[in-house]
Amino acid sequence: MVRKLIVDIDDELEKEMSAHPEVDWVAVAIKAIRDCISRRERCKFYDTIVDRAIAQDRKQRSQERKRRSKSPTKKS
């Protein structure tokens, strides 16, 4: 199924685009949309990895604090 997308551009951008009639601006827009989606998916993937690493680090720090609080402290 094909969908239509209407994009409003200002006069300045239209003038710049008109200076390059050899460019298929529809193809440029489609590629930009695909690239954006791809970047967002990669970010989601890496965010998941980072979130897991942060959670693991917090867990380790919490366990370390608990161990320290249970161990007897030296008195001078």
C-alpha atoms as a PDB file:
ATOM      1  CA  MET A   1       0.000   0.000   0.000  1.00  0.00           C
ATOM      2  CA  VAL A   2       1.285   3.445  -0.869  1.00  0.00           C
ATOM      3  CA  ARG A   3       0.705   6.469   1.335  1.00  0.00           C
ATOM      4  CA  LYS A   4       0.983  10.111   0.381  1.00  0.00           C
ATOM      5  CA  LEU A   5       2.919  12.573   2.472  1.00  0.00           C
ATOM      6  CA  ILE A   6       2.515  16.299   1.964  1.00  0.00           C
ATOM      7  CA  VAL A   7       5.410  18.462   3.083  1.00  0.00           C
ATOM      8  CA  ASP A   8       5.223  22.230   3.349  1.00  0.00           C
ATOM      9  CA  ILE A   9       8.459  24.020   2.525  1.00  0.00           C
ATOM     10  CA  ASP A  10       9.231  27.699   2.711  1.00  0.00           C
ATOM     11  CA  ASP A  11      10.082  29.840  -0.294  1.00  0.00           C
ATOM     12  CA  GLU A  12      13.794  29.879   0.470  1.00  0.00           C
ATOM     13  CA  LEU A  13      14.026  26.088   0.547  1.00  0.00           C
ATOM     14  CA  GLU A  14      11.966  25.824  -2.651  1.00  0.00           C
ATOM     15  CA  LYS A  15      14.388  28.219  -4.352  1.00  0.00           C
ATOM     16  CA  GLU A  16      17.376  26.137  -3.210  1.00  0.00           C
ATOM     17  CA  MET A  17      15.712  22.922  -4.369  1.00  0.00           C
ATOM     18  CA  SER A  18      14.838  24.479  -7.735  1.00  0.00           C
ATOM     19  CA  ALA A  19      18.525  25.189  -8.261  1.00  0.00           C
ATOM     20  CA  HIS A  20      19.048  21.402  -8.382  1.00  0.00           C
ATOM     21  CA  PRO A  21      16.447  20.005 -10.804  1.00  0.00           C
ATOM     22  CA  GLU A  22      18.542  16.866 -11.287  1.00  0.00           C
ATOM     23  CA  VAL A  23      17.785  15.745  -7.729  1.00  0.00           C
ATOM     24  CA  ASP A  24      14.811  13.473  -7.105  1.00  0.00           C
ATOM     25  CA  TRP A  25      13.573  15.246  -3.980  1.00  0.00           C
ATOM     26  CA  VAL A  26      10.920  12.602  -3.305  1.00  0.00           C
ATOM     27  CA  ALA A  27      13.639   9.942  -3.193  1.00  0.00           C
ATOM     28  CA  VAL A  28      15.695  12.196  -0.908  1.00  0.00           C
ATOM     29  CA  ALA A  29      12.730  12.566   1.471  1.00  0.00           C
ATOM     30  CA  ILE A  30      12.021   8.814   1.471  1.00  0.00           C
ATOM     31  CA  LYS A  31      15.685   8.046   2.187  1.00  0.00           C
ATOM     32  CA  ALA A  32      15.757  10.630   4.989  1.00  0.00           C
ATOM     33  CA  ILE A  33      12.670   9.069   6.586  1.00  0.00           C
ATOM     34  CA  ARG A  34      14.171   5.566   6.349  1.00  0.00           C
ATOM     35  CA  ASP A  35      17.489   6.790   7.771  1.00  0.00           C
ATOM     36  CA  CYS A  36      15.693   8.493  10.639  1.00  0.00           C
ATOM     37  CA  ILE A  37      13.764   5.331  11.497  1.00  0.00           C
ATOM     38  CA  SER A  38      16.952   3.277  11.299  1.00  0.00           C
ATOM     39  CA  ARG A  39      18.811   5.664  13.634  1.00  0.00           C
ATOM     40  CA  ARG A  40      15.937   5.600  16.103  1.00  0.00           C
ATOM     41  CA  GLU A  41      15.917   1.792  16.102  1.00  0.00           C
ATOM     42  CA  ARG A  42      19.680   1.699  16.677  1.00  0.00           C
ATOM     43  CA  CYS A  43      19.307   4.205  19.500  1.00  0.00           C
ATOM     44  CA  LYS A  44      16.599   2.053  21.074  1.00  0.00           C
ATOM     45  CA  PHE A  45      18.887  -0.978  20.829  1.00  0.00           C
ATOM     46  CA  TYR A  46      21.849   0.824  22.378  1.00  0.00           C
ATOM     47  CA  ASP A  47      19.657   2.511  24.987  1.00  0.00           C
ATOM     48  CA  THR A  48      18.543  -0.958  26.081  1.00  0.00           C
ATOM     49  CA  ILE A  49      22.154  -2.092  26.416  1.00  0.00           C
ATOM     50  CA  VAL A  50      23.097   1.060  28.338  1.00  0.00           C
ATOM     51  CA  ASP A  51      20.034   0.770  30.594  1.00  0.00           C
ATOM     52  CA  ARG A  52      20.960  -2.822  31.437  1.00  0.00           C
ATOM     53  CA  ALA A  53      24.556  -1.828  32.165  1.00  0.00           C
ATOM     54  CA  ILE A  54      23.418   1.013  34.422  1.00  0.00           C
ATOM     55  CA  ALA A  55      21.006  -1.279  36.267  1.00  0.00           C
ATOM     56  CA  GLN A  56      23.761  -3.879  36.748  1.00  0.00           C
ATOM     57  CA  ASP A  57      26.162  -1.194  38.012  1.00  0.00           C
ATOM     58  CA  ARG A  58      23.570   0.110  40.483  1.00  0.00           C
ATOM     59  CA  LYS A  59      22.919  -3.420  41.711  1.00  0.00           C
ATOM     60  CA  GLN A  60      26.641  -4.049  42.228  1.00  0.00           C
ATOM     61  CA  ARG A  61      27.101  -0.734  44.047  1.00  0.00           C
ATOM     62  CA  SER A  62      24.122  -1.468  46.265  1.00  0.00           C
ATOM     63  CA  GLN A  63      25.481  -4.905  47.140  1.00  0.00           C
ATOM     64  CA  GLU A  64      28.880  -3.387  47.865  1.00  0.00           C
ATOM     65  CA  ARG A  65      27.343  -0.803  50.215  1.00  0.00           C
ATOM     66  CA  LYS A  66      25.444  -3.554  52.029  1.00  0.00           C
ATOM     67  CA  ARG A  67      28.642  -5.569  52.476  1.00  0.00           C
ATOM     68  CA  ARG A  68      30.475  -2.535  53.807  1.00  0.00           C
ATOM     69  CA  SER A  69      27.703  -1.729  56.262  1.00  0.00           C
ATOM     70  CA  LYS A  70      27.688  -5.315  57.581  1.00  0.00           C
ATOM     71  CA  SER A  71      31.471  -5.575  58.017  1.00  0.00           C
ATOM     72  CA  PRO A  72      32.838  -4.349  61.337  1.00  0.00           C
ATOM     73  CA  THR A  73      34.604  -1.020  61.193  1.00  0.00           C
ATOM     74  CA  LYS A  74      38.018  -0.503  62.727  1.00  0.00           C
ATOM     75  CA  LYS A  75      38.168   1.775  65.729  1.00  0.00           C
ATOM     76  CA  SER A  76      41.348   3.737  66.420  1.00  0.00           C
END
